[in-house]
Amino acid sequence: MITGINTAVAWVLEQDAAKKFFTDTLGLDVRTDVEMAPGLRWLTVGAPDQPEVQLTLMTPGPPTMDPESAEQLKSLIAKGILVGCTFTVPDCEAAYTELAARGVTFVQPPQPRPWGLSAILLDDAGSQFEILQPAQ
């Protein structure tokens, strides 16, 4: 049966801009950046201390989806409706302060939740991601 998660997808509007945001701003490492087929770039990033998990930064479009669906998904990304994954941090307040100083937009400052201290940020395309200091 399933033993873990290897790859998750974050839909982005432009891979180079997303790569810059997730690496230069958030501090993730590039894991893979290759052209798989014409128009299909496999770009993954991940946390330095968690090599077994990666986030694929995918743009909607052929060859993985039809043009009509791609345009619909691009519209949802541009509206900021999509929610991405949760990134864990050892200190949510410190991460919030540092990322805000780097220009990251937050829609929710750190707040206590049953699962820990949580803040919600927007990536360069407007999708939401959580930073979380897990509850002990």
C-alpha atoms as a PDB file:
ATOM      1  CA  MET A   1       0.000   0.000   0.000  1.00  0.00           C
ATOM      2  CA  ILE A   2       0.931   3.675   0.026  1.00  0.00           C
ATOM      3  CA  THR A   3       3.992   4.469   2.121  1.00  0.00           C
ATOM      4  CA  GLY A   4       4.376   8.214   1.537  1.00  0.00           C
ATOM      5  CA  ILE A   5       4.085  11.199  -0.775  1.00  0.00           C
ATOM      6  CA  ASN A   6       6.826  11.825  -3.320  1.00  0.00           C
ATOM      7  CA  THR A   7       5.513  14.635  -5.537  1.00  0.00           C
ATOM      8  CA  ALA A   8       2.759  17.223  -5.237  1.00  0.00           C
ATOM      9  CA  VAL A   9       1.713  19.738  -7.916  1.00  0.00           C
ATOM     10  CA  ALA A  10       1.547  23.517  -7.687  1.00  0.00           C
ATOM     11  CA  TRP A  11      -0.088  25.071 -10.744  1.00  0.00           C
ATOM     12  CA  VAL A  12       1.734  28.210 -11.859  1.00  0.00           C
ATOM     13  CA  LEU A  13       1.327  30.720 -14.667  1.00  0.00           C
ATOM     14  CA  GLU A  14       5.002  30.995 -15.591  1.00  0.00           C
ATOM     15  CA  GLN A  15       7.638  28.472 -14.560  1.00  0.00           C
ATOM     16  CA  ASP A  16      10.676  30.782 -14.535  1.00  0.00           C
ATOM     17  CA  ALA A  17       8.910  33.284 -12.259  1.00  0.00           C
ATOM     18  CA  ALA A  18       7.674  30.448 -10.028  1.00  0.00           C
ATOM     19  CA  LYS A  19      11.165  28.937  -9.877  1.00  0.00           C
ATOM     20  CA  LYS A  20      12.574  32.284  -8.736  1.00  0.00           C
ATOM     21  CA  PHE A  21       9.854  32.722  -6.099  1.00  0.00           C
ATOM     22  CA  PHE A  22      10.068  29.213  -4.644  1.00  0.00           C
ATOM     23  CA  THR A  23      13.887  29.132  -4.603  1.00  0.00           C
ATOM     24  CA  ASP A  24      15.138  32.705  -4.127  1.00  0.00           C
ATOM     25  CA  THR A  25      12.259  33.882  -1.934  1.00  0.00           C
ATOM     26  CA  LEU A  26      11.109  30.775  -0.055  1.00  0.00           C
ATOM     27  CA  GLY A  27      14.494  29.035   0.026  1.00  0.00           C
ATOM     28  CA  LEU A  28      13.568  25.729  -1.621  1.00  0.00           C
ATOM     29  CA  ASP A  29      16.066  23.835  -3.785  1.00  0.00           C
ATOM     30  CA  VAL A  30      15.609  22.978  -7.456  1.00  0.00           C
ATOM     31  CA  ARG A  31      15.411  19.191  -7.741  1.00  0.00           C
ATOM     32  CA  THR A  32      14.713  18.766 -11.446  1.00  0.00           C
ATOM     33  CA  ASP A  33      14.499  21.172 -14.376  1.00  0.00           C
ATOM     34  CA  VAL A  34      14.295  19.382 -17.718  1.00  0.00           C
ATOM     35  CA  GLU A  35      12.274  19.523 -20.920  1.00  0.00           C
ATOM     36  CA  MET A  36      10.374  16.233 -21.098  1.00  0.00           C
ATOM     37  CA  ALA A  37       8.762  16.921 -24.486  1.00  0.00           C
ATOM     38  CA  PRO A  38       8.112  20.013 -26.584  1.00  0.00           C
ATOM     39  CA  GLY A  39       6.100  22.337 -24.341  1.00  0.00           C
ATOM     40  CA  LEU A  40       6.448  20.131 -21.244  1.00  0.00           C
ATOM     41  CA  ARG A  41       9.008  21.249 -18.695  1.00  0.00           C
ATOM     42  CA  TRP A  42       9.406  19.121 -15.550  1.00  0.00           C
ATOM     43  CA  LEU A  43      10.413  21.585 -12.832  1.00  0.00           C
ATOM     44  CA  THR A  44      10.477  20.427  -9.220  1.00  0.00           C
ATOM     45  CA  VAL A  45      11.580  22.084  -5.990  1.00  0.00           C
ATOM     46  CA  GLY A  46      11.836  20.854  -2.443  1.00  0.00           C
ATOM     47  CA  ALA A  47      12.902  21.649   1.097  1.00  0.00           C
ATOM     48  CA  PRO A  48      16.626  21.060   1.664  1.00  0.00           C
ATOM     49  CA  ASP A  49      15.993  18.832   4.698  1.00  0.00           C
ATOM     50  CA  GLN A  50      13.299  16.699   3.046  1.00  0.00           C
ATOM     51  CA  PRO A  51      14.820  15.104  -0.074  1.00  0.00           C
ATOM     52  CA  GLU A  52      12.073  12.506  -0.491  1.00  0.00           C
ATOM     53  CA  VAL A  53       9.329  15.091  -1.211  1.00  0.00           C
ATOM     54  CA  GLN A  54       9.161  17.500  -4.126  1.00  0.00           C
ATOM     55  CA  LEU A  55       6.745  20.079  -5.482  1.00  0.00           C
ATOM     56  CA  THR A  56       6.236  20.175  -9.245  1.00  0.00           C
ATOM     57  CA  LEU A  57       5.709  23.674 -10.636  1.00  0.00           C
ATOM     58  CA  MET A  58       3.416  22.980 -13.596  1.00  0.00           C
ATOM     59  CA  THR A  59       1.890  25.306 -16.147  1.00  0.00           C
ATOM     60  CA  PRO A  60      -1.522  24.343 -17.494  1.00  0.00           C
ATOM     61  CA  GLY A  61      -1.560  23.346 -21.139  1.00  0.00           C
ATOM     62  CA  PRO A  62      -0.752  20.745 -23.728  1.00  0.00           C
ATOM     63  CA  PRO A  63       0.463  18.072 -23.770  1.00  0.00           C
ATOM     64  CA  THR A  64      -0.910  17.322 -20.272  1.00  0.00           C
ATOM     65  CA  MET A  65      -4.337  18.941 -20.742  1.00  0.00           C
ATOM     66  CA  ASP A  66      -6.562  20.261 -23.485  1.00  0.00           C
ATOM     67  CA  PRO A  67      -6.427  23.991 -24.335  1.00  0.00           C
ATOM     68  CA  GLU A  68      -9.921  24.773 -23.004  1.00  0.00           C
ATOM     69  CA  SER A  69      -9.188  23.206 -19.603  1.00  0.00           C
ATOM     70  CA  ALA A  70      -5.794  24.937 -19.515  1.00  0.00           C
ATOM     71  CA  GLU A  71      -7.424  28.346 -20.025  1.00  0.00           C
ATOM     72  CA  GLN A  72      -9.968  27.627 -17.286  1.00  0.00           C
ATOM     73  CA  LEU A  73      -7.217  26.605 -14.870  1.00  0.00           C
ATOM     74  CA  LYS A  74      -5.104  29.673 -15.775  1.00  0.00           C
ATOM     75  CA  SER A  75      -8.127  31.843 -14.988  1.00  0.00           C
ATOM     76  CA  LEU A  76      -8.501  30.221 -11.544  1.00  0.00           C
ATOM     77  CA  ILE A  77      -4.772  30.687 -10.845  1.00  0.00           C
ATOM     78  CA  ALA A  78      -4.962  34.356 -11.843  1.00  0.00           C
ATOM     79  CA  LYS A  79      -7.945  34.858  -9.499  1.00  0.00           C
ATOM     80  CA  GLY A  80      -5.969  33.457  -6.568  1.00  0.00           C
ATOM     81  CA  ILE A  81      -8.501  30.706  -5.924  1.00  0.00           C
ATOM     82  CA  LEU A  82      -6.098  27.760  -5.814  1.00  0.00           C
ATOM     83  CA  VAL A  83      -4.659  26.534  -2.543  1.00  0.00           C
ATOM     84  CA  GLY A  84      -1.262  24.867  -2.522  1.00  0.00           C
ATOM     85  CA  CYS A  85       0.504  22.822   0.095  1.00  0.00           C
ATOM     86  CA  THR A  86       1.598  23.478   3.661  1.00  0.00           C
ATOM     87  CA  PHE A  87       5.280  24.171   4.352  1.00  0.00           C
ATOM     88  CA  THR A  88       6.554  23.379   7.840  1.00  0.00           C
ATOM     89  CA  VAL A  89       8.802  25.826   9.677  1.00  0.00           C
ATOM     90  CA  PRO A  90      10.414  25.608  13.124  1.00  0.00           C
ATOM     91  CA  ASP A  91       9.259  29.154  14.042  1.00  0.00           C
ATOM     92  CA  CYS A  92       6.212  30.566  12.243  1.00  0.00           C
ATOM     93  CA  GLU A  93       6.616  34.106  13.630  1.00  0.00           C
ATOM     94  CA  ALA A  94      10.272  34.278  12.498  1.00  0.00           C
ATOM     95  CA  ALA A  95       9.476  32.820   9.062  1.00  0.00           C
ATOM     96  CA  TYR A  96       6.587  35.264   8.656  1.00  0.00           C
ATOM     97  CA  THR A  97       8.814  38.225   9.552  1.00  0.00           C
ATOM     98  CA  GLU A  98      11.631  37.121   7.228  1.00  0.00           C
ATOM     99  CA  LEU A  99       9.376  36.302   4.279  1.00  0.00           C
ATOM    100  CA  ALA A 100       7.391  39.529   4.662  1.00  0.00           C
ATOM    101  CA  ALA A 101      10.707  41.432   4.598  1.00  0.00           C
ATOM    102  CA  ARG A 102      11.516  39.633   1.322  1.00  0.00           C
ATOM    103  CA  GLY A 103       8.271  40.982  -0.154  1.00  0.00           C
ATOM    104  CA  VAL A 104       6.012  37.946   0.281  1.00  0.00           C
ATOM    105  CA  THR A 105       2.337  38.859   0.535  1.00  0.00           C
ATOM    106  CA  PHE A 106       0.454  37.296   3.431  1.00  0.00           C
ATOM    107  CA  VAL A 107      -3.330  37.042   3.580  1.00  0.00           C
ATOM    108  CA  GLN A 108      -3.195  35.771   7.165  1.00  0.00           C
ATOM    109  CA  PRO A 109      -0.516  36.543   9.750  1.00  0.00           C
ATOM    110  CA  PRO A 110       0.479  33.811  12.205  1.00  0.00           C
ATOM    111  CA  GLN A 111      -2.535  32.537  14.104  1.00  0.00           C
ATOM    112  CA  PRO A 112      -2.914  29.639  16.520  1.00  0.00           C
ATOM    113  CA  ARG A 113      -4.799  26.680  15.093  1.00  0.00           C
ATOM    114  CA  PRO A 114      -5.461  23.239  16.575  1.00  0.00           C
ATOM    115  CA  TRP A 115      -2.645  21.862  14.362  1.00  0.00           C
ATOM    116  CA  GLY A 116      -0.116  24.605  15.201  1.00  0.00           C
ATOM    117  CA  LEU A 117       0.807  28.217  14.457  1.00  0.00           C
ATOM    118  CA  SER A 118      -0.183  29.012  10.868  1.00  0.00           C
ATOM    119  CA  ALA A 119       0.206  31.863   8.373  1.00  0.00           C
ATOM    120  CA  ILE A 120      -1.082  32.008   4.778  1.00  0.00           C
ATOM    121  CA  LEU A 121       1.046  33.475   1.982  1.00  0.00           C
ATOM    122  CA  LEU A 122       0.539  34.066  -1.717  1.00  0.00           C
ATOM    123  CA  ASP A 123       3.000  32.846  -4.333  1.00  0.00           C
ATOM    124  CA  ASP A 124       3.998  34.996  -7.311  1.00  0.00           C
ATOM    125  CA  ALA A 125       0.848  33.940  -9.216  1.00  0.00           C
ATOM    126  CA  GLY A 126      -1.562  34.477  -6.305  1.00  0.00           C
ATOM    127  CA  SER A 127      -2.052  30.893  -5.107  1.00  0.00           C
ATOM    128  CA  GLN A 128      -2.257  30.374  -1.347  1.00  0.00           C
ATOM    129  CA  PHE A 129       0.258  28.370   0.673  1.00  0.00           C
ATOM    130  CA  GLU A 130       0.454  27.804   4.407  1.00  0.00           C
ATOM    131  CA  ILE A 131       3.530  28.015   6.591  1.00  0.00           C
ATOM    132  CA  LEU A 132       3.044  25.975   9.721  1.00  0.00           C
ATOM    133  CA  GLN A 133       4.836  25.525  12.999  1.00  0.00           C
ATOM    134  CA  PRO A 134       3.254  22.202  13.969  1.00  0.00           C
ATOM    135  CA  ALA A 135       1.715  21.820  17.408  1.00  0.00           C
ATOM    136  CA  GLN A 136       3.889  19.874  19.811  1.00  0.00           C
END
